[in-house]
Protein backbone atom coordinates (compact mmCIF):
# COMPACT_ATOMS: atom_id res chain seq x y z
CA UNK A 1 -14.51 -8.37 -13.77
CA UNK A 2 -13.27 -11.89 -13.46
CA UNK A 3 -12.84 -13.34 -10.04
CA UNK A 4 -10.38 -16.09 -9.49
CA UNK A 5 -10.49 -18.60 -6.58
CA UNK A 6 -7.56 -19.23 -4.47
CA UNK A 7 -6.47 -22.24 -6.42
CA UNK A 8 -6.16 -20.23 -9.58
CA UNK A 9 -4.08 -17.39 -7.95
CA UNK A 10 -0.29 -17.08 -7.96
CA UNK A 11 -0.20 -13.94 -5.78
CA UNK A 12 -2.64 -12.61 -3.24
CA UNK A 13 -2.45 -9.02 -2.43
CA UNK A 14 -4.56 -7.58 0.40
CA UNK A 15 -5.30 -3.92 -0.11
CA UNK A 16 -5.82 -2.05 -3.33
CA UNK A 17 -4.22 1.23 -2.24
CA UNK A 18 -1.08 2.63 -3.71
CA UNK A 19 1.14 -0.07 -2.28
CA UNK A 20 -1.09 -3.02 -3.21
CA UNK A 21 -1.61 -1.82 -6.84
CA UNK A 22 2.03 -0.92 -7.35
CA UNK A 23 2.97 -4.25 -6.12
CA UNK A 24 0.51 -6.00 -8.50
CA UNK A 25 1.81 -3.80 -11.39
CA UNK A 26 5.44 -4.71 -10.55
CA UNK A 27 4.65 -8.41 -10.33
CA UNK A 28 2.95 -8.20 -13.78
CA UNK A 29 6.05 -6.60 -15.24
CA UNK A 30 8.30 -9.16 -13.83
CA UNK A 31 6.03 -12.26 -14.41
CA UNK A 32 3.52 -11.13 -17.03
CA UNK A 33 1.71 -14.50 -17.01
CA UNK A 34 1.12 -14.44 -13.18
CA UNK A 35 -2.32 -14.48 -11.72
CA UNK A 36 -2.97 -11.94 -9.13
CA UNK A 37 -5.92 -11.61 -6.67
CA UNK A 38 -6.31 -8.31 -4.93
CA UNK A 39 -8.84 -8.10 -2.13
CA UNK A 40 -9.95 -5.12 -0.25
CA UNK A 41 -12.67 -4.19 2.38
CA UNK A 42 -13.42 -0.87 0.51
CA UNK A 43 -15.87 -0.69 -2.44
CA UNK A 44 -13.39 0.66 -4.87
CA UNK A 45 -9.59 0.76 -5.57
CA UNK A 46 -7.47 3.47 -4.05
CA UNK A 47 -10.28 4.45 -1.86
CA UNK A 48 -8.18 6.01 0.82
CA UNK A 49 -4.94 6.29 -1.30
CA UNK A 50 -3.85 9.81 -2.16
CA UNK A 51 -7.00 11.72 -0.89
CA UNK A 52 -5.95 11.10 2.64
CA UNK A 53 -2.23 11.46 2.34
CA UNK A 54 -0.91 15.04 1.91
CA UNK A 55 2.57 13.78 1.13
CA UNK A 56 4.09 16.16 3.75
CA UNK A 57 7.11 15.19 5.81
CA UNK A 58 6.19 16.39 9.22
CA UNK A 59 8.93 18.01 11.33
CA UNK A 60 8.00 15.93 14.34
CA UNK A 61 8.25 18.74 16.96
CA UNK A 62 4.70 18.10 18.25
CA UNK A 63 5.47 14.60 19.38
CA UNK A 64 6.97 13.88 22.63
CA UNK A 65 10.78 13.67 22.17
CA UNK A 66 10.98 9.99 23.48
CA UNK A 67 8.04 8.61 21.36
CA UNK A 68 8.34 6.28 18.41
CA UNK A 69 6.52 8.90 16.22
CA UNK A 70 9.29 11.41 16.97
CA UNK A 71 11.89 8.86 16.38
CA UNK A 72 10.51 7.63 13.05
CA UNK A 73 9.78 11.15 11.83
CA UNK A 74 13.29 12.20 12.58
CA UNK A 75 14.67 9.07 10.78
CA UNK A 76 12.24 9.57 7.88
CA UNK A 77 13.19 13.21 7.28
CA UNK A 78 17.02 12.22 7.35
């Protein structure tokens, strides 16, 4: 694995989960010659990615009605 220093990097991505890796992949598709540096606190890529995300859209009925969680759950399901 080659490590680039900040002077050799066009894009810095913090986090090597699904969002970070997808962002890097899209940048490479748009700008193939770009130099991307991805940093993460975890020991490997995608460490918390899909294993912790069930992909379930929650109904939100267990959140108090006036909470942001309830609001975002309702909006997300719509």
